[in-house]
Amino acid sequence: MDYKKYLSADTGSFMRSPVREIFRKVDLNSIYSFAGGYPSAETFPLETIERLSAEVLHKYGAKALQYGATQGVPELREAISKRYDVPVENIQITTSSQQGIDVCTRVLVDPGDVVLTTNPTYLGALQSFKSYRAEVVGVDLAPSLEAARSRQRQIDDLLAEGRRIKFFYAIPDFQNPSGQTMTLAQRSELVALARKYDFLIVEDSPYRELRYEGEPVATIYSLAPERTLHLGSFSKIMAPGFRLGWIIGAPELLDQIYVCKQALDLCPPIMDQYMAAEFMAGGELDKNLAHTIELYRGKRDHLLGLLEKYMPAGVSWTHPEGGLFLFVTLPENFDTVALYDRALAAGVAYVAGSFFYVDGSHKNTMRLNFSFLDTERMEPGIKLLASLL
């Protein structure tokens, strides 16, 4: 039976994730995987979660297993409010940070509207933008006068064509895929552009708490709370299986997201929210973060040392101050998409960098993750990848 005639027009814009396709093909534990963005299982506070599950059921009883408020349970919103010093009414709990990206796009974007983003950018965000038939435009945020003039011309040209720019999507801290962090000057310039041209900013910050060196930079939300939607996640600081995130923004915008979420999932997982609230309020989050940061700093440093030791001449990479990823650039004639099947057959996985570019360019790049693979397995994996290159 041919089902195509039943499908909506939107399905033609759906974009498959090459990362998820990898997971369908192979067992990650059977290869040297630098591909996915999986946290290390060593960071999951199993004993604490086991204890909290019993404590939550004892404290909240059947309430923890019932439907709850669409905006999230008050206890979790209050814990986030206290930690990040924002009013409770400016907080919406989401069923994962990925849902935060998707619901912001769903609420703000009509087909043909423009979404600006850094280039490269997060693949999951590109999937969401394209599924709502947005026109995604990559913008170079390089800190040079020439690049600044180019940005202005790019935006002026879009507006001259009658296009509507709805928001700029950015991951300012330890970006996925590049691992790079926007400076305060870059964030301030982005805010100035948003105010000048009247668009919003979606600030995606799932890695902000995972800083291994350097000083924190002010959030974009703190610079422009009136036009920024700030997304957070428990996936990298607690456990991804909870599927919990949050949005911080103006109550007027959150009200539209609240109504939209009623049609999506009614409410985020209630038991998970109470556990996350207790995890934060009881100080367990900070304890777990200290352990996670120490572990990931060591893994990052180990991977950087291996790249220095084994990679052939002409290969370069970023040095992230935090997060889970770094970005590798090869000589211009390399095609990491073409190389991928050969690498996977040999037993090593990465994600081709071109998938993160709006136009599919930069085929000579790749993203490497350092959080998932055990440290002792990194060396044979990098040796294998280097030999293939």
Protein backbone atom coordinates (compact mmCIF):
# COMPACT_ATOMS: atom_id res chain seq x y z
CA MET A 1 0.00 0.00 0.00
CA ASP A 2 1.25 3.47 -0.88
CA TYR A 3 0.99 5.67 2.21
CA LYS A 4 2.56 8.79 0.71
CA LYS A 5 -0.80 10.32 -0.23
CA TYR A 6 -1.74 10.37 3.47
CA LEU A 7 1.33 12.28 4.63
CA SER A 8 1.32 15.99 5.42
CA ALA A 9 3.35 18.53 3.47
CA ASP A 10 5.56 18.98 6.53
CA THR A 11 6.98 15.46 6.28
CA GLY A 12 8.88 16.41 3.15
CA SER A 13 10.92 18.79 5.30
CA PHE A 14 11.81 16.21 7.94
CA MET A 15 15.55 15.61 8.23
CA ARG A 16 17.06 12.32 9.39
CA SER A 17 19.75 12.51 12.05
CA PRO A 18 22.95 10.79 10.86
CA VAL A 19 23.87 10.32 14.53
CA ARG A 20 20.67 8.38 15.24
CA GLU A 21 21.22 6.34 12.08
CA ILE A 22 24.57 5.27 13.53
CA PHE A 23 22.85 4.07 16.69
CA ARG A 24 20.46 1.96 14.59
CA LYS A 25 23.33 0.25 12.78
CA VAL A 26 25.80 -0.61 15.53
CA ASP A 27 26.17 -1.26 19.23
CA LEU A 28 28.16 1.72 20.49
CA ASN A 29 29.94 -0.46 23.02
CA SER A 30 31.33 -2.67 20.25
CA ILE A 31 33.21 0.15 18.48
CA TYR A 32 35.32 3.16 19.35
CA SER A 33 32.55 5.75 19.28
CA PHE A 34 33.40 9.44 19.27
CA ALA A 35 30.08 10.07 17.53
CA GLY A 36 27.12 10.64 19.86
CA GLY A 37 26.69 13.22 22.57
CA TYR A 38 26.05 10.63 25.27
CA PRO A 39 27.14 11.55 28.80
CA SER A 40 29.31 9.05 30.61
CA ALA A 41 27.33 6.58 32.70
CA GLU A 42 29.89 7.27 35.43
CA THR A 43 28.21 10.64 35.95
CA PHE A 44 24.77 9.15 36.65
CA PRO A 45 24.15 9.36 40.43
CA LEU A 46 22.58 5.91 40.69
CA GLU A 47 22.59 5.59 44.47
CA THR A 48 21.22 9.10 44.91
CA ILE A 49 18.47 8.48 42.34
CA GLU A 50 17.52 5.22 44.03
CA ARG A 51 17.26 7.01 47.37
CA LEU A 52 15.39 10.00 45.95
CA SER A 53 12.82 7.82 44.20
CA ALA A 54 11.83 6.32 47.56
CA GLU A 55 11.91 9.71 49.29
CA VAL A 56 9.75 11.34 46.62
CA LEU A 57 7.14 8.59 46.81
CA HIS A 58 7.12 8.87 50.59
CA LYS A 59 6.90 12.69 50.51
CA TYR A 60 4.43 13.17 47.66
CA GLY A 61 2.65 9.83 47.51
CA ALA A 62 0.24 9.28 44.61
CA LYS A 63 0.69 12.94 43.61
CA ALA A 64 4.07 11.98 42.11
CA LEU A 65 2.33 9.53 39.75
CA GLN A 66 -0.60 11.77 38.74
CA TYR A 67 -0.96 14.32 35.95
CA GLY A 68 0.45 17.72 36.85
CA ALA A 69 0.59 21.35 35.77
CA THR A 70 1.62 21.98 32.17
CA GLN A 71 4.15 24.64 33.25
CA GLY A 72 5.83 22.18 35.64
CA VAL A 73 5.53 21.35 39.33
CA PRO A 74 6.08 24.38 41.61
CA GLU A 75 8.89 22.68 43.54
CA LEU A 76 11.09 22.29 40.46
CA ARG A 77 10.34 25.75 39.10
CA GLU A 78 11.21 27.22 42.50
CA ALA A 79 14.49 25.27 42.64
CA ILE A 80 15.48 26.56 39.19
CA SER A 81 14.36 30.07 40.18
CA LYS A 82 16.60 30.02 43.24
CA ARG A 83 19.63 28.59 41.42
CA TYR A 84 19.53 30.95 38.45
CA ASP A 85 18.01 33.99 40.18
CA VAL A 86 14.99 34.42 37.92
CA PRO A 87 11.31 34.80 38.86
CA VAL A 88 9.27 31.59 39.01
CA GLU A 89 6.78 33.00 36.49
CA ASN A 90 9.65 33.21 33.96
CA ILE A 91 10.21 29.42 34.04
CA GLN A 92 8.54 26.71 31.95
CA ILE A 93 9.53 23.05 32.41
CA THR A 94 9.90 21.04 29.21
CA THR A 95 10.04 17.37 28.35
CA SER A 96 13.73 17.60 27.37
CA SER A 97 15.70 20.57 26.10
CA GLN A 98 15.10 19.29 22.56
CA GLN A 99 11.41 19.90 23.11
CA GLY A 100 12.34 23.41 24.19
CA ILE A 101 13.94 24.05 20.78
CA ASP A 102 11.00 22.49 18.99
CA VAL A 103 8.24 24.27 20.90
CA CYS A 104 9.96 27.65 20.53
CA THR A 105 10.13 27.07 16.77
CA ARG A 106 6.55 25.83 16.62
CA VAL A 107 5.26 28.90 18.46
CA LEU A 108 7.38 31.49 16.62
CA VAL A 109 7.89 30.30 13.04
CA ASP A 110 5.61 30.18 10.01
CA PRO A 111 6.72 28.43 6.79
CA GLY A 112 9.19 30.66 4.99
CA ASP A 113 10.22 32.65 8.07
CA VAL A 114 13.95 33.08 8.60
CA VAL A 115 15.84 31.54 11.51
CA LEU A 116 19.40 32.80 11.86
CA THR A 117 22.04 30.60 13.45
CA THR A 118 25.75 30.16 13.82
CA ASN A 119 27.41 28.03 11.18
CA PRO A 120 28.03 25.22 12.16
CA THR A 121 25.17 24.64 14.58
CA TYR A 122 23.39 21.87 16.49
CA LEU A 123 21.98 19.20 14.18
CA GLY A 124 18.87 18.63 16.32
CA ALA A 125 17.98 22.31 16.01
CA LEU A 126 18.34 22.18 12.22
CA GLN A 127 15.96 19.21 12.20
CA SER A 128 13.37 21.18 14.14
CA PHE A 129 13.71 24.37 12.08
CA LYS A 130 13.37 22.50 8.79
CA SER A 131 10.40 20.45 9.99
CA TYR A 132 8.47 23.72 10.36
CA ARG A 133 9.69 24.82 6.92
CA ALA A 134 11.77 27.72 8.17
CA GLU A 135 14.50 29.16 5.99
CA VAL A 136 17.67 28.63 8.01
CA VAL A 137 20.47 31.12 7.36
CA GLY A 138 23.98 30.61 8.71
CA VAL A 139 25.75 33.68 10.09
CA ASP A 140 29.48 34.08 10.70
CA LEU A 141 30.04 35.51 14.18
CA ALA A 142 33.80 35.90 13.74
CA PRO A 143 35.08 38.88 15.78
CA SER A 144 36.38 40.98 12.89
CA LEU A 145 35.22 44.25 11.34
CA GLU A 146 34.84 42.58 7.95
CA ALA A 147 32.66 39.80 9.42
CA ALA A 148 30.55 42.38 11.31
CA ARG A 149 29.89 44.30 8.09
CA SER A 150 29.03 41.04 6.33
CA ARG A 151 26.49 40.19 9.05
CA GLN A 152 24.79 43.55 8.68
CA ARG A 153 24.64 43.22 4.87
CA GLN A 154 23.26 39.69 5.19
CA ILE A 155 20.43 40.82 7.46
CA ASP A 156 19.76 43.98 5.41
CA ASP A 157 19.48 41.88 2.22
CA LEU A 158 17.01 39.47 3.86
CA LEU A 159 14.80 42.31 5.04
CA ALA A 160 15.03 44.05 1.65
CA GLU A 161 13.62 40.86 0.11
CA GLY A 162 10.66 41.10 2.46
CA ARG A 163 11.74 38.17 4.62
CA ARG A 164 10.73 37.94 8.28
CA ILE A 165 13.52 37.12 10.73
CA LYS A 166 12.00 35.49 13.81
CA PHE A 167 14.96 34.55 15.96
CA PHE A 168 18.66 33.83 16.18
CA TYR A 169 19.53 30.40 17.57
CA ALA A 170 22.84 30.18 19.45
CA ILE A 171 24.68 27.81 21.79
CA PRO A 172 27.00 30.35 23.41
CA ASP A 173 28.79 28.03 25.86
CA PHE A 174 30.91 25.12 24.55
CA GLN A 175 28.96 24.92 21.35
CA ASN A 176 27.78 21.70 19.74
CA PRO A 177 29.56 20.82 17.46
CA SER A 178 32.56 23.16 17.65
CA GLY A 179 33.12 23.27 21.42
CA GLN A 180 33.77 27.00 21.16
CA THR A 181 32.43 29.69 23.50
CA MET A 182 31.10 33.09 22.45
CA THR A 183 32.89 36.03 24.04
CA LEU A 184 31.03 38.72 25.92
CA ALA A 185 31.65 41.06 22.97
CA GLN A 186 30.06 38.55 20.57
CA ARG A 187 27.04 38.11 22.85
CA SER A 188 26.66 41.86 23.22
CA GLU A 189 26.85 42.37 19.45
CA LEU A 190 24.19 39.68 18.92
CA VAL A 191 21.93 41.46 21.41
CA ALA A 192 22.53 44.77 19.60
CA LEU A 193 21.59 43.17 16.26
CA ALA A 194 18.44 41.64 17.78
CA ARG A 195 17.35 45.03 19.12
CA LYS A 196 18.23 46.88 15.92
CA TYR A 197 16.44 44.45 13.61
CA ASP A 198 13.75 43.39 16.08
CA PHE A 199 14.22 39.62 16.29
CA LEU A 200 14.34 37.27 19.28
CA ILE A 201 17.21 35.08 20.51
CA VAL A 202 16.91 31.42 21.48
CA GLU A 203 19.88 30.72 23.76
CA ASP A 204 20.47 26.97 24.07
CA SER A 205 22.63 26.25 27.14
CA PRO A 206 22.70 22.50 27.92
CA TYR A 207 26.47 22.54 28.62
CA ARG A 208 26.90 25.80 30.54
CA GLU A 209 27.44 24.10 33.91
CA LEU A 210 30.22 21.91 32.44
CA ARG A 211 33.14 24.37 32.47
CA TYR A 212 36.65 22.91 32.93
CA GLU A 213 38.76 26.06 32.61
CA GLY A 214 38.37 29.83 32.26
CA GLU A 215 35.74 32.15 33.69
CA PRO A 216 31.98 32.02 33.01
CA VAL A 217 30.62 34.56 30.53
CA ALA A 218 27.31 36.35 31.14
CA THR A 219 24.32 34.64 29.56
CA ILE A 220 22.60 36.29 26.62
CA TYR A 221 19.42 36.18 28.69
CA SER A 222 21.05 38.36 31.37
CA LEU A 223 21.97 40.90 28.67
CA ALA A 224 18.54 40.95 27.00
CA PRO A 225 15.86 39.21 29.10
CA GLU A 226 13.07 40.94 27.17
CA ARG A 227 13.92 39.17 23.89
CA THR A 228 15.73 35.97 24.90
CA LEU A 229 14.41 32.47 25.50
CA HIS A 230 17.05 30.61 27.53
CA LEU A 231 16.98 26.79 27.36
CA GLY A 232 18.45 24.51 30.02
CA SER A 233 18.66 20.74 30.45
CA PHE A 234 19.06 18.08 33.12
CA SER A 235 20.43 15.60 30.57
CA LYS A 236 24.09 16.55 30.99
CA ILE A 237 24.02 17.42 34.71
CA MET A 238 21.82 14.64 36.10
CA ALA A 239 20.80 11.96 33.57
CA PRO A 240 19.33 12.14 30.04
CA GLY A 241 16.78 9.41 30.75
CA PHE A 242 14.74 11.86 32.85
CA ARG A 243 13.97 13.88 29.69
CA LEU A 244 13.68 17.15 31.56
CA GLY A 245 14.62 20.68 30.55
CA TRP A 246 13.42 24.23 31.08
CA ILE A 247 12.84 27.53 29.32
CA ILE A 248 13.47 30.90 30.95
CA GLY A 249 11.77 33.82 29.24
CA ALA A 250 9.21 36.59 29.34
CA PRO A 251 5.88 35.39 30.79
CA GLU A 252 4.03 36.63 27.69
CA LEU A 253 6.07 34.30 25.47
CA LEU A 254 5.94 31.44 27.95
CA ASP A 255 2.15 31.65 28.01
CA GLN A 256 2.02 30.78 24.31
CA ILE A 257 4.48 27.93 24.87
CA TYR A 258 2.31 26.77 27.79
CA VAL A 259 -0.76 26.58 25.55
CA CYS A 260 1.22 24.80 22.83
CA LYS A 261 2.55 22.21 25.28
CA GLN A 262 -0.98 21.35 26.35
CA ALA A 263 -1.46 19.87 22.88
CA LEU A 264 1.94 18.17 22.88
CA ASP A 265 2.29 16.28 26.16
CA LEU A 266 -0.12 17.83 28.71
CA CYS A 267 2.69 18.03 31.26
CA PRO A 268 6.33 17.01 31.78
CA PRO A 269 6.98 13.74 33.71
CA ILE A 270 5.82 14.40 37.28
CA MET A 271 7.88 11.84 39.20
CA ASP A 272 10.99 12.94 37.34
CA GLN A 273 10.31 16.59 38.17
CA TYR A 274 9.98 15.93 41.90
CA MET A 275 13.21 13.93 41.85
CA ALA A 276 15.02 16.71 39.98
CA ALA A 277 13.68 19.27 42.47
CA GLU A 278 14.97 17.25 45.41
CA PHE A 279 18.26 16.67 43.57
CA MET A 280 18.76 20.44 43.26
CA ALA A 281 17.39 21.57 46.62
CA GLY A 282 19.34 18.98 48.61
CA GLY A 283 22.74 19.94 47.18
CA GLU A 284 23.16 16.71 45.20
CA LEU A 285 23.39 18.57 41.89
CA ASP A 286 26.49 20.48 42.95
CA LYS A 287 28.11 17.32 44.33
CA ASN A 288 27.43 15.47 41.09
CA LEU A 289 28.66 18.41 39.01
CA ALA A 290 31.98 18.46 40.84
CA HIS A 291 32.49 14.77 40.04
CA THR A 292 31.33 15.21 36.43
CA ILE A 293 33.58 18.20 35.76
CA GLU A 294 36.63 16.41 37.15
CA LEU A 295 35.91 13.33 35.01
CA TYR A 296 35.25 15.26 31.79
CA ARG A 297 38.21 17.58 32.23
CA GLY A 298 40.45 14.52 32.37
CA LYS A 299 38.78 12.99 29.32
CA ARG A 300 39.06 16.21 27.33
CA ASP A 301 42.73 16.61 28.19
CA HIS A 302 43.41 12.97 27.32
CA LEU A 303 41.75 13.30 23.92
CA LEU A 304 43.59 16.52 23.14
CA GLY A 305 46.88 14.79 23.98
CA LEU A 306 46.04 11.83 21.74
CA LEU A 307 45.19 14.09 18.81
CA GLU A 308 48.51 15.87 19.26
CA LYS A 309 50.31 12.52 19.39
CA TYR A 310 48.68 10.65 16.51
CA MET A 311 47.01 13.00 14.03
CA PRO A 312 48.89 13.54 10.76
CA ALA A 313 50.21 16.92 9.68
CA GLY A 314 47.61 19.32 8.33
CA VAL A 315 44.95 18.36 10.88
CA SER A 316 43.76 20.91 13.46
CA TRP A 317 41.14 20.95 16.21
CA THR A 318 39.42 23.22 18.71
CA HIS A 319 40.28 23.39 22.42
CA PRO A 320 36.95 23.58 24.26
CA GLU A 321 36.82 25.16 27.72
CA GLY A 322 33.93 22.84 28.61
CA GLY A 323 31.09 20.78 27.18
CA LEU A 324 31.32 17.41 25.43
CA PHE A 325 32.79 18.04 21.97
CA LEU A 326 35.66 19.29 19.90
CA PHE A 327 35.79 19.94 16.16
CA VAL A 328 38.46 18.63 13.82
CA THR A 329 39.43 20.27 10.52
CA LEU A 330 41.27 18.30 7.83
CA PRO A 331 42.93 19.49 4.62
CA GLU A 332 40.51 20.82 1.99
CA ASN A 333 40.57 17.69 -0.21
CA PHE A 334 39.19 15.41 2.55
CA ASP A 335 35.56 14.28 2.56
CA THR A 336 34.60 12.89 5.97
CA VAL A 337 31.17 11.85 4.67
CA ALA A 338 32.77 9.63 2.02
CA LEU A 339 35.20 8.23 4.59
CA TYR A 340 32.54 7.42 7.16
CA ASP A 341 31.40 3.94 6.07
CA ARG A 342 35.00 2.81 5.82
CA ALA A 343 35.71 4.14 9.31
CA LEU A 344 32.62 2.47 10.78
CA ALA A 345 33.52 -0.84 9.13
CA ALA A 346 36.98 -0.53 10.70
CA GLY A 347 35.40 0.04 14.12
CA VAL A 348 35.55 3.79 14.79
CA ALA A 349 32.74 6.37 14.60
CA TYR A 350 32.61 10.15 14.36
CA VAL A 351 30.05 12.61 12.98
CA ALA A 352 30.90 14.33 9.70
CA GLY A 353 31.06 18.08 10.30
CA SER A 354 29.11 19.00 7.15
CA PHE A 355 25.88 17.78 8.77
CA PHE A 356 26.10 20.73 11.17
CA TYR A 357 26.41 23.34 8.42
CA VAL A 358 23.27 24.93 7.06
CA ASP A 359 24.45 24.42 3.48
CA GLY A 360 26.17 21.05 4.01
CA SER A 361 29.59 22.55 3.35
CA HIS A 362 32.91 21.96 5.12
CA LYS A 363 33.08 18.26 4.28
CA ASN A 364 36.65 18.29 5.59
CA THR A 365 35.49 18.52 9.22
CA MET A 366 34.30 16.11 11.91
CA ARG A 367 32.90 16.30 15.42
CA LEU A 368 34.47 14.19 18.16
CA ASN A 369 32.82 13.52 21.52
CA PHE A 370 34.98 12.84 24.59
CA SER A 371 32.37 12.18 27.30
CA PHE A 372 31.10 8.72 26.33
CA LEU A 373 34.09 6.52 25.52
CA ASP A 374 36.13 5.09 28.41
CA THR A 375 39.52 6.77 28.71
CA GLU A 376 41.47 3.55 28.14
CA ARG A 377 39.63 2.97 24.85
CA MET A 378 40.32 6.44 23.49
CA GLU A 379 43.90 5.74 22.44
CA PRO A 380 43.26 2.72 20.19
CA GLY A 381 40.26 4.58 18.74
CA ILE A 382 42.25 7.70 17.85
CA LYS A 383 45.14 5.61 16.51
CA LEU A 384 42.69 3.82 14.23
CA LEU A 385 41.07 7.05 13.07
CA ALA A 386 44.46 8.65 12.44
CA SER A 387 45.61 5.65 10.40
CA LEU A 388 42.49 5.91 8.22
CA LEU A 389 43.13 9.60 7.63
